[in-house]
Amino acid sequence: MKNKIIYWLPRIFNIAYVIFLSIFALDVFGQYSGQELLLALFMHLLPALILLALTIIAWKRELFGVILFIVVGVGYILLAGFDKPWSWYAFISGPAFLLAALYFAGWRNKRRNINL
């Protein structure tokens, strides 16, 4: 039972993280219309689409998930700059670092079970 929780927790949390970031794309509906709306929606959903691609990679290869989500967390901090409130980093990079830790726990658990 514990192994299944360790396996599924990062994957479920990862999907929730992608959905959370996708919510930020909804602000385009009040500002644009027509083709501009489609382009703006695509641009606002691009980070979530990239994270969805990373989710697909990390789904089978937990170690890649560890590395990729550390890069996502650090990358956001570097791209956002250091002049933002700490809450910006906590709500965007924090879940990425947590995902890296969860994928690491899953990878370590899988290796431990193989070596038994």
C-alpha atoms as a PDB file:
ATOM      1  CA  MET A   1       0.000   0.000   0.000  1.00  0.00           C
ATOM      2  CA  LYS A   2       2.801   2.404   0.930  1.00  0.00           C
ATOM      3  CA  ASN A   3       4.532   1.746  -2.392  1.00  0.00           C
ATOM      4  CA  LYS A   4       1.392   2.684  -4.324  1.00  0.00           C
ATOM      5  CA  ILE A   5       1.046   5.935  -2.402  1.00  0.00           C
ATOM      6  CA  ILE A   6       4.684   6.813  -3.047  1.00  0.00           C
ATOM      7  CA  TYR A   7       4.168   5.967  -6.727  1.00  0.00           C
ATOM      8  CA  TRP A   8       0.927   7.907  -7.279  1.00  0.00           C
ATOM      9  CA  LEU A   9       1.407  10.939  -5.032  1.00  0.00           C
ATOM     10  CA  PRO A  10       3.856  12.830  -7.288  1.00  0.00           C
ATOM     11  CA  ARG A  11       1.820  12.044 -10.389  1.00  0.00           C
ATOM     12  CA  ILE A  12      -1.468  13.256  -8.924  1.00  0.00           C
ATOM     13  CA  PHE A  13       0.199  16.321  -7.425  1.00  0.00           C
ATOM     14  CA  ASN A  14       1.860  16.994 -10.782  1.00  0.00           C
ATOM     15  CA  ILE A  15      -1.481  17.010 -12.593  1.00  0.00           C
ATOM     16  CA  ALA A  16      -2.903  19.321  -9.915  1.00  0.00           C
ATOM     17  CA  TYR A  17       0.093  21.645 -10.383  1.00  0.00           C
ATOM     18  CA  VAL A  18      -0.512  21.833 -14.145  1.00  0.00           C
ATOM     19  CA  ILE A  19      -4.194  22.615 -13.532  1.00  0.00           C
ATOM     20  CA  PHE A  20      -3.240  25.262 -10.952  1.00  0.00           C
ATOM     21  CA  LEU A  21      -0.948  27.012 -13.432  1.00  0.00           C
ATOM     22  CA  SER A  22      -3.581  26.734 -16.168  1.00  0.00           C
ATOM     23  CA  ILE A  23      -6.010  28.760 -14.057  1.00  0.00           C
ATOM     24  CA  PHE A  24      -3.797  31.816 -14.545  1.00  0.00           C
ATOM     25  CA  ALA A  25      -4.595  31.704 -18.277  1.00  0.00           C
ATOM     26  CA  LEU A  26      -8.233  32.569 -17.615  1.00  0.00           C
ATOM     27  CA  ASP A  27      -7.453  36.262 -17.225  1.00  0.00           C
ATOM     28  CA  VAL A  28      -7.229  36.645 -21.017  1.00  0.00           C
ATOM     29  CA  PHE A  29     -10.988  36.309 -21.466  1.00  0.00           C
ATOM     30  CA  GLY A  30     -11.691  39.807 -20.196  1.00  0.00           C
ATOM     31  CA  GLN A  31      -8.963  41.484 -22.231  1.00  0.00           C
ATOM     32  CA  TYR A  32      -9.080  39.984 -25.724  1.00  0.00           C
ATOM     33  CA  SER A  33     -11.549  38.753 -28.317  1.00  0.00           C
ATOM     34  CA  GLY A  34     -11.467  36.750 -31.532  1.00  0.00           C
ATOM     35  CA  GLN A  35      -8.123  35.594 -32.847  1.00  0.00           C
ATOM     36  CA  GLU A  36      -6.269  37.714 -30.316  1.00  0.00           C
ATOM     37  CA  LEU A  37      -8.013  35.717 -27.596  1.00  0.00           C
ATOM     38  CA  LEU A  38      -6.821  32.409 -29.054  1.00  0.00           C
ATOM     39  CA  LEU A  39      -3.244  33.632 -29.344  1.00  0.00           C
ATOM     40  CA  ALA A  40      -3.263  35.124 -25.840  1.00  0.00           C
ATOM     41  CA  LEU A  41      -4.797  31.954 -24.399  1.00  0.00           C
ATOM     42  CA  PHE A  42      -2.128  29.838 -26.092  1.00  0.00           C
ATOM     43  CA  MET A  43       0.640  32.097 -24.784  1.00  0.00           C
ATOM     44  CA  HIS A  44      -0.761  31.973 -21.250  1.00  0.00           C
ATOM     45  CA  LEU A  45      -1.160  28.195 -21.413  1.00  0.00           C
ATOM     46  CA  LEU A  46       2.351  27.619 -22.768  1.00  0.00           C
ATOM     47  CA  PRO A  47       3.958  27.125 -19.318  1.00  0.00           C
ATOM     48  CA  ALA A  48       1.245  24.622 -18.401  1.00  0.00           C
ATOM     49  CA  LEU A  49       1.726  22.790 -21.705  1.00  0.00           C
ATOM     50  CA  ILE A  50       5.470  22.596 -21.081  1.00  0.00           C
ATOM     51  CA  LEU A  51       4.800  21.249 -17.585  1.00  0.00           C
ATOM     52  CA  LEU A  52       2.398  18.723 -19.084  1.00  0.00           C
ATOM     53  CA  ALA A  53       5.194  17.511 -21.373  1.00  0.00           C
ATOM     54  CA  LEU A  54       7.513  17.269 -18.355  1.00  0.00           C
ATOM     55  CA  THR A  55       4.813  15.302 -16.540  1.00  0.00           C
ATOM     56  CA  ILE A  56       4.737  12.782 -19.366  1.00  0.00           C
ATOM     57  CA  ILE A  57       8.522  12.405 -19.163  1.00  0.00           C
ATOM     58  CA  ALA A  58       8.561  12.165 -15.365  1.00  0.00           C
ATOM     59  CA  TRP A  59       5.690   9.666 -15.293  1.00  0.00           C
ATOM     60  CA  LYS A  60       7.957   6.765 -16.256  1.00  0.00           C
ATOM     61  CA  ARG A  61      11.362   8.182 -15.357  1.00  0.00           C
ATOM     62  CA  GLU A  62      11.271   9.525 -11.825  1.00  0.00           C
ATOM     63  CA  LEU A  63      14.912  10.585 -11.834  1.00  0.00           C
ATOM     64  CA  PHE A  64      14.277  12.777 -14.880  1.00  0.00           C
ATOM     65  CA  GLY A  65      11.326  14.223 -12.966  1.00  0.00           C
ATOM     66  CA  VAL A  66      13.618  15.120 -10.074  1.00  0.00           C
ATOM     67  CA  ILE A  67      16.040  16.952 -12.342  1.00  0.00           C
ATOM     68  CA  LEU A  68      13.385  18.606 -14.511  1.00  0.00           C
ATOM     69  CA  PHE A  69      11.341  19.990 -11.637  1.00  0.00           C
ATOM     70  CA  ILE A  70      14.412  21.333  -9.852  1.00  0.00           C
ATOM     71  CA  VAL A  71      15.242  23.117 -13.106  1.00  0.00           C
ATOM     72  CA  VAL A  72      11.650  24.423 -13.315  1.00  0.00           C
ATOM     73  CA  GLY A  73      11.789  25.771  -9.761  1.00  0.00           C
ATOM     74  CA  VAL A  74      15.174  27.428 -10.140  1.00  0.00           C
ATOM     75  CA  GLY A  75      14.276  28.634 -13.643  1.00  0.00           C
ATOM     76  CA  TYR A  76      11.166  30.412 -12.412  1.00  0.00           C
ATOM     77  CA  ILE A  77      13.111  32.143  -9.646  1.00  0.00           C
ATOM     78  CA  LEU A  78      15.730  33.327 -12.137  1.00  0.00           C
ATOM     79  CA  LEU A  79      13.171  34.437 -14.735  1.00  0.00           C
ATOM     80  CA  ALA A  80      10.943  36.224 -12.210  1.00  0.00           C
ATOM     81  CA  GLY A  81      13.875  38.091 -10.728  1.00  0.00           C
ATOM     82  CA  PHE A  82      14.776  38.610  -7.117  1.00  0.00           C
ATOM     83  CA  ASP A  83      12.651  41.696  -6.500  1.00  0.00           C
ATOM     84  CA  LYS A  84       9.323  39.870  -6.070  1.00  0.00           C
ATOM     85  CA  PRO A  85       7.617  39.005  -2.784  1.00  0.00           C
ATOM     86  CA  TRP A  86       8.531  35.599  -1.349  1.00  0.00           C
ATOM     87  CA  SER A  87       4.966  34.402  -1.931  1.00  0.00           C
ATOM     88  CA  TRP A  88       5.524  34.449  -5.711  1.00  0.00           C
ATOM     89  CA  TYR A  89       8.344  31.957  -5.332  1.00  0.00           C
ATOM     90  CA  ALA A  90       6.468  29.889  -2.752  1.00  0.00           C
ATOM     91  CA  PHE A  91       3.382  29.409  -4.934  1.00  0.00           C
ATOM     92  CA  ILE A  92       5.154  28.694  -8.229  1.00  0.00           C
ATOM     93  CA  SER A  93       8.608  27.290  -7.418  1.00  0.00           C
ATOM     94  CA  GLY A  94       7.605  25.678  -4.133  1.00  0.00           C
ATOM     95  CA  PRO A  95       5.360  23.039  -5.737  1.00  0.00           C
ATOM     96  CA  ALA A  96       8.054  22.337  -8.345  1.00  0.00           C
ATOM     97  CA  PHE A  97      10.603  21.651  -5.606  1.00  0.00           C
ATOM     98  CA  LEU A  98       8.051  19.534  -3.739  1.00  0.00           C
ATOM     99  CA  LEU A  99       7.431  17.546  -6.925  1.00  0.00           C
ATOM    100  CA  ALA A 100      11.170  16.985  -7.291  1.00  0.00           C
ATOM    101  CA  ALA A 101      11.278  15.639  -3.728  1.00  0.00           C
ATOM    102  CA  LEU A 102       8.255  13.391  -4.333  1.00  0.00           C
ATOM    103  CA  TYR A 103       9.712  11.996  -7.553  1.00  0.00           C
ATOM    104  CA  PHE A 104      12.989  11.410  -5.712  1.00  0.00           C
ATOM    105  CA  ALA A 105      11.142   9.462  -3.013  1.00  0.00           C
ATOM    106  CA  GLY A 106       9.452   7.382  -5.711  1.00  0.00           C
ATOM    107  CA  TRP A 107      12.731   6.747  -7.507  1.00  0.00           C
ATOM    108  CA  ARG A 108      14.470   5.763  -4.266  1.00  0.00           C
ATOM    109  CA  ASN A 109      11.580   3.495  -3.296  1.00  0.00           C
ATOM    110  CA  LYS A 110      11.698   1.775  -6.680  1.00  0.00           C
ATOM    111  CA  ARG A 111      15.466   1.215  -6.403  1.00  0.00           C
ATOM    112  CA  ARG A 112      15.089  -0.106  -2.878  1.00  0.00           C
ATOM    113  CA  ASN A 113      12.466  -2.625  -4.033  1.00  0.00           C
ATOM    114  CA  ILE A 114      14.627  -3.766  -6.958  1.00  0.00           C
ATOM    115  CA  ASN A 115      17.619  -4.380  -4.684  1.00  0.00           C
ATOM    116  CA  LEU A 116      15.650  -6.596  -2.274  1.00  0.00           C
END
